[in-house]
Amino acid sequence: MEVPNDLQVLNLFGAEYFIDWTRLARGCSFFVPTTATAKQVIQALKPHTKGLNVEFEVRARCEYGRYGVRVWRVF
């Protein structure tokens, strides 16, 4: 799957996270350390959802002693 450059960067309040979508298979997840809520991250993921034809589940979590969100690719 070839991914356009503008879809490879997840921007959350000015912090940019590079996500290699080609390596994120269905059922895989990643953790983003952020103070953004799960709802805010879902909004930031919308362009990726449409552009890549994928679906995500997002949950706020505390992992590695840091607050953030875990994002799972469900489709």
Protein backbone atom coordinates (compact mmCIF):
# COMPACT_ATOMS: atom_id res chain seq x y z
CA MET A 1 0.00 0.00 0.00
CA GLU A 2 1.48 3.34 -1.04
CA VAL A 3 0.67 6.05 1.48
CA PRO A 4 0.79 9.75 0.57
CA ASN A 5 3.25 11.77 2.67
CA ASP A 6 0.54 13.97 4.19
CA LEU A 7 -1.20 10.90 5.65
CA GLN A 8 1.94 9.57 7.33
CA VAL A 9 2.03 12.30 9.97
CA LEU A 10 -0.51 12.46 12.78
CA ASN A 11 -0.64 16.02 14.12
CA LEU A 12 -1.94 16.53 17.66
CA PHE A 13 -1.86 20.15 18.81
CA GLY A 14 1.34 20.85 16.88
CA ALA A 15 3.13 17.66 17.94
CA GLU A 16 3.78 15.47 14.91
CA TYR A 17 3.89 11.68 15.11
CA PHE A 18 5.13 9.72 12.11
CA ILE A 19 3.06 6.57 11.65
CA ASP A 20 4.12 3.91 9.16
CA TRP A 21 0.61 2.83 8.17
CA THR A 22 2.00 0.09 5.91
CA ARG A 23 3.24 -1.77 9.01
CA LEU A 24 0.00 -1.34 10.99
CA ALA A 25 -1.97 -4.48 10.21
CA ARG A 26 -5.50 -5.13 11.41
CA GLY A 27 -5.44 -5.80 15.16
CA CYS A 28 -2.17 -3.93 15.73
CA SER A 29 -1.93 -0.84 17.91
CA PHE A 30 0.34 2.01 18.89
CA PHE A 31 0.58 4.29 21.92
CA VAL A 32 0.74 8.07 21.58
CA PRO A 33 1.88 9.99 24.67
CA THR A 34 -0.37 13.05 24.65
CA THR A 35 -2.71 15.10 26.78
CA ALA A 36 -5.28 15.01 23.98
CA THR A 37 -8.48 13.13 24.76
CA ALA A 38 -9.53 10.03 22.86
CA LYS A 39 -12.24 12.12 21.16
CA GLN A 40 -9.66 14.69 19.99
CA VAL A 41 -7.42 11.93 18.63
CA ILE A 42 -10.36 10.38 16.76
CA GLN A 43 -10.92 13.77 15.10
CA ALA A 44 -7.23 14.00 14.15
CA LEU A 45 -7.39 10.48 12.67
CA LYS A 46 -10.37 11.24 10.41
CA PRO A 47 -8.29 12.23 7.35
CA HIS A 48 -6.30 9.00 7.74
CA THR A 49 -9.46 6.93 8.09
CA LYS A 50 -10.85 8.28 4.82
CA GLY A 51 -7.57 8.38 2.92
CA LEU A 52 -6.45 4.88 3.87
CA ASN A 53 -9.85 3.14 4.09
CA VAL A 54 -9.19 1.96 7.66
CA GLU A 55 -11.04 2.14 10.96
CA PHE A 56 -9.55 2.81 14.39
CA GLU A 57 -10.53 2.39 18.02
CA VAL A 58 -9.00 4.88 20.44
CA ARG A 59 -8.85 4.70 24.23
CA ALA A 60 -7.26 6.98 26.81
CA ARG A 61 -4.69 5.09 28.88
CA CYS A 62 -1.77 5.47 31.21
CA GLU A 63 1.15 3.38 29.97
CA TYR A 64 4.84 3.47 30.79
CA GLY A 65 3.95 6.02 33.49
CA ARG A 66 2.66 8.47 30.86
CA TYR A 67 -0.82 9.60 29.98
CA GLY A 68 -1.85 9.15 26.36
CA VAL A 69 -4.01 7.15 23.99
CA ARG A 70 -3.72 3.72 22.44
CA VAL A 71 -4.93 3.43 18.86
CA TRP A 72 -5.96 0.03 17.45
CA ARG A 73 -6.57 -0.62 13.78
CA VAL A 74 -9.84 -2.58 13.72
CA PHE A 75 -10.42 -2.58 9.94
